[in-house]
Amino acid sequence: MTLPSTEQLHPDAVRLDRDDLITSARVLAKGQIAAAASVRGALDQIAQGATAMARTLRGNRVLHYVAAGSSGLMAAADAQELGGTFSIPAEQLRIHMAGGLPTGVEMPGDAEDAADGLTEALSTLRAGDSVIAVSASGSTPYTMTAVKLACAKGATVIGIANNADSPLLLESDIPILLATPPELISGSTRMGAGTAQKIALNMLSSLMAIELGHVHGGMMVNLRADNDKLRSRAAGIVARIADVDAATAHKALTATHGNVKPAVLIAAQGLTPANADARLRASNGILSAALAQD
């Protein structure tokens, strides 16, 4: 029987040598680059997944991230960064990780086989929600149970796996195959598979934000500045887009309580905060469209 690609032995594995860490490092770096390159084969599916995620958020529905083990850590990291990066409301995000999010350095090894509590955790799942399910093998029991529940409730399933024709990909509405080579350290899917998953997840959420109009000229314009670092960053964004000095940018941000999009309109076009908000609502939150209005 042919083993899944994530369980096969990499031909360069024999070059990992405790007496030659330089060569070992070179081999590992090459493996990471190859893993990253696998994402290129899934660009269409990643774009489709991002569109579905944006549709979920526009419809005031919820994004559910589901995974176990190292895949769960990758998924959780992406979900947890969406608030600070793109101001995605916490009530529109859920993380479902086998065994729960770790509070220490250990993850329970048997958690990925246990689906206890998933039915309750996904009890609010409904049509219009999106489930981002991640599993290197594509067959993790915890993740597959969640996928079956999601399918039964009419949610959109975006499946990310590293083995072709795996159950997760076969049952997903949008299957994303990351065809990574076998792991250099056999069985350690936190490496090649995990690297590809991290890239794909980052791309999904970044493309989602672009679709939602939260990115303008490569800048995070749905940022809400609520600390000194973010206030400085936001002022730079407002100043650059509106072509104004830092003092004007800071004044506009003060008027909008740190919200970048309306601050740009205030700084660039002299609108009141109320008029800036109205302009953005009429433009579906797309800053370029709001700026183009007279």
Foldseek 3Di string as FASTA:
>chain_A
DDDFQQQDADPCLVQCDPVCVVSNVVVLVVQQVLLQVLQVVQVVLLLVLLVLQLQLLVVVAAEEEEEEDLLLVLSVVLQVCCCQQQVRDPVRYYYHYQQDDDPDDDDDPCRLQDQPPVCVVCVVAAASYEYEAEDAQLPRNNRVVNLVVNVVRNYAYEYEYAGPPHPNQVSHPRYGHRPRGYDSPRPPCCRSVVSNSNVSSVSSNVSSCVVQQCADPNGRQQHADDDDVLLVSLLVVLCVLLVHDSVLLSVLCVQVNRRRLLSNCCSNPVDHSVVSVVLCVVVSNNSVSSVPDD
